[in-house]
C-alpha atoms as a PDB file:
ATOM      1  CA  MET A   1      -6.291 -48.506  66.605  1.00  0.00           C
ATOM      2  CA  ASP A   2      -3.272 -46.209  66.538  1.00  0.00           C
ATOM      3  CA  THR A   3      -4.091 -42.951  64.771  1.00  0.00           C
ATOM      4  CA  ASP A   4      -0.858 -41.081  65.515  1.00  0.00           C
ATOM      5  CA  LEU A   5       1.002 -39.918  62.458  1.00  0.00           C
ATOM      6  CA  ASN A   6       4.572 -41.107  62.382  1.00  0.00           C
ATOM      7  CA  PRO A   7       7.153 -41.006  59.594  1.00  0.00           C
ATOM      8  CA  THR A   8       7.203 -44.776  59.055  1.00  0.00           C
ATOM      9  CA  THR A   9       3.431 -45.110  58.715  1.00  0.00           C
ATOM     10  CA  LEU A  10       3.260 -42.146  56.357  1.00  0.00           C
ATOM     11  CA  ALA A  11       6.108 -43.508  54.235  1.00  0.00           C
ATOM     12  CA  ILE A  12       4.520 -46.955  53.982  1.00  0.00           C
ATOM     13  CA  GLU A  13       1.148 -45.489  53.038  1.00  0.00           C
ATOM     14  CA  PHE A  14       2.803 -43.272  50.440  1.00  0.00           C
ATOM     15  CA  LEU A  15       4.621 -46.236  48.903  1.00  0.00           C
ATOM     16  CA  ARG A  16       1.495 -48.387  49.048  1.00  0.00           C
ATOM     17  CA  ARG A  17      -0.207 -45.919  46.703  1.00  0.00           C
ATOM     18  CA  ASP A  18       2.846 -45.581  44.446  1.00  0.00           C
ATOM     19  CA  LYS A  19       2.435 -47.534  41.200  1.00  0.00           C
ATOM     20  CA  SER A  20       6.186 -47.778  40.537  1.00  0.00           C
ATOM     21  CA  ASN A  21       7.713 -51.196  40.034  1.00  0.00           C
ATOM     22  CA  LEU A  22      10.412 -51.203  42.708  1.00  0.00           C
ATOM     23  CA  SER A  23      12.798 -53.981  43.570  1.00  0.00           C
ATOM     24  CA  PRO A  24      12.998 -54.862  47.280  1.00  0.00           C
ATOM     25  CA  ALA A  25      16.239 -52.878  47.589  1.00  0.00           C
ATOM     26  CA  GLN A  26      14.714 -49.866  45.822  1.00  0.00           C
ATOM     27  CA  TYR A  27      11.632 -50.115  48.053  1.00  0.00           C
ATOM     28  CA  LEU A  28      13.727 -50.062  51.232  1.00  0.00           C
ATOM     29  CA  LYS A  29      15.841 -47.172  49.967  1.00  0.00           C
ATOM     30  CA  LYS A  30      12.726 -45.177  49.054  1.00  0.00           C
ATOM     31  CA  LEU A  31      11.106 -46.072  52.399  1.00  0.00           C
ATOM     32  CA  LYS A  32      14.094 -44.730  54.354  1.00  0.00           C
ATOM     33  CA  GLN A  33      14.208 -41.569  52.224  1.00  0.00           C
ATOM     34  CA  LEU A  34      10.487 -40.950  52.751  1.00  0.00           C
ATOM     35  CA  GLU A  35      10.742 -41.597  56.493  1.00  0.00           C
ATOM     36  CA  LEU A  36      13.347 -38.836  56.737  1.00  0.00           C
ATOM     37  CA  GLU A  37      11.295 -36.452  54.615  1.00  0.00           C
ATOM     38  CA  PHE A  38       8.109 -37.085  56.603  1.00  0.00           C
ATOM     39  CA  ALA A  39      10.029 -36.697  59.888  1.00  0.00           C
ATOM     40  CA  ASP A  40      11.210 -33.272  58.704  1.00  0.00           C
ATOM     41  CA  LEU A  41       7.710 -32.264  57.599  1.00  0.00           C
ATOM     42  CA  LEU A  42       6.165 -33.306  60.915  1.00  0.00           C
ATOM     43  CA  THR A  43       8.426 -30.862  62.768  1.00  0.00           C
ATOM     44  CA  LEU A  44       7.147 -27.880  60.775  1.00  0.00           C
ATOM     45  CA  SER A  45       4.621 -25.411  62.092  1.00  0.00           C
ATOM     46  CA  SER A  46       1.365 -24.919  60.232  1.00  0.00           C
ATOM     47  CA  ASN A  47       2.680 -21.826  58.479  1.00  0.00           C
ATOM     48  CA  GLU A  48       5.955 -23.494  57.532  1.00  0.00           C
ATOM     49  CA  LEU A  49       4.036 -26.445  56.114  1.00  0.00           C
ATOM     50  CA  LYS A  50       1.868 -24.102  54.044  1.00  0.00           C
ATOM     51  CA  GLU A  51       5.030 -22.484  52.689  1.00  0.00           C
ATOM     52  CA  GLU A  52       6.435 -25.910  51.726  1.00  0.00           C
ATOM     53  CA  ILE A  53       3.181 -26.824  49.971  1.00  0.00           C
ATOM     54  CA  TYR A  54       3.139 -23.520  48.095  1.00  0.00           C
ATOM     55  CA  PHE A  55       6.789 -23.940  47.102  1.00  0.00           C
ATOM     56  CA  ALA A  56       6.086 -27.461  45.771  1.00  0.00           C
ATOM     57  CA  TRP A  57       3.047 -26.168  43.893  1.00  0.00           C
ATOM     58  CA  ARG A  58       5.179 -23.448  42.262  1.00  0.00           C
ATOM     59  CA  LEU A  59       7.647 -26.126  41.156  1.00  0.00           C
ATOM     60  CA  GLY A  60       4.814 -28.089  39.591  1.00  0.00           C
ATOM     61  CA  VAL A  61       4.816 -30.898  42.164  1.00  0.00           C
ATOM     62  CA  HIS A  62       1.257 -32.099  42.574  1.00  0.00           C
ATOM     63  CA  VAL A  63      -0.745 -35.283  42.812  1.00  0.00           C
ATOM     64  CA  HIS A  64      -4.033 -35.992  41.090  1.00  0.00           C
END
Protein backbone atom coordinates (compact mmCIF):
# COMPACT_ATOMS: atom_id res chain seq x y z
CA MET A 1 0.00 0.00 0.00
CA ASP A 2 1.33 3.41 -1.01
CA THR A 3 1.01 5.88 1.85
CA ASP A 4 2.92 8.79 0.30
CA LEU A 5 0.93 11.97 0.00
CA ASN A 6 0.87 13.32 -3.51
CA PRO A 7 -1.23 16.10 -5.05
CA THR A 8 -3.29 13.77 -7.25
CA THR A 9 -4.27 11.43 -4.42
CA LEU A 10 -5.15 14.34 -2.15
CA ALA A 11 -7.23 15.99 -4.88
CA ILE A 12 -9.13 12.79 -5.64
CA GLU A 13 -9.83 12.17 -1.96
CA PHE A 14 -10.99 15.75 -1.54
CA LEU A 15 -13.36 15.45 -4.49
CA ARG A 16 -14.58 12.05 -3.33
CA ARG A 17 -15.88 13.70 -0.15
CA ASP A 18 -17.33 16.70 -2.01
CA LYS A 19 -21.12 16.46 -2.34
CA SER A 20 -21.29 18.82 -5.34
CA ASN A 21 -22.97 17.60 -8.50
CA LEU A 22 -20.19 18.10 -11.05
CA SER A 23 -20.26 17.26 -14.72
CA PRO A 24 -17.28 15.23 -15.98
CA ALA A 25 -15.71 18.40 -17.40
CA GLN A 26 -16.24 20.29 -14.13
CA TYR A 27 -14.78 17.34 -12.20
CA LEU A 28 -11.61 17.31 -14.32
CA LYS A 29 -11.23 21.08 -14.07
CA LYS A 30 -11.64 20.96 -10.28
CA LEU A 31 -9.25 17.99 -10.06
CA LYS A 32 -6.52 19.88 -11.92
CA GLN A 33 -7.07 23.00 -9.80
CA LEU A 34 -6.86 20.98 -6.58
CA GLU A 35 -3.75 19.13 -7.75
CA LEU A 36 -2.00 22.48 -8.20
CA GLU A 37 -3.18 23.77 -4.84
CA PHE A 38 -2.12 20.60 -3.01
CA ALA A 39 1.26 20.64 -4.81
CA ASP A 40 1.81 24.19 -3.52
CA LEU A 41 0.75 23.25 0.01
CA LEU A 42 3.07 20.23 0.10
CA THR A 43 6.08 22.48 -0.53
CA LEU A 44 5.37 24.59 2.57
CA SER A 45 7.24 24.22 5.82
CA SER A 46 5.32 23.38 8.97
CA ASN A 47 5.24 27.02 10.05
CA GLU A 48 4.15 28.23 6.62
CA LEU A 49 1.36 25.65 6.60
CA LYS A 50 0.19 26.82 10.03
CA GLU A 51 0.11 30.38 8.71
CA GLU A 52 -2.00 29.28 5.71
CA ILE A 53 -4.42 27.44 8.01
CA TYR A 54 -4.71 30.46 10.30
CA PHE A 55 -5.27 32.77 7.33
CA ALA A 56 -8.04 30.49 6.00
CA TRP A 57 -9.60 30.34 9.46
CA ARG A 58 -9.62 34.15 9.65
CA LEU A 59 -11.39 34.26 6.28
CA GLY A 60 -14.02 31.87 7.59
CA VAL A 61 -12.90 28.88 5.52
CA HIS A 62 -13.54 25.76 7.55
CA VAL A 63 -14.95 22.28 7.20
CA HIS A 64 -17.26 20.54 9.64
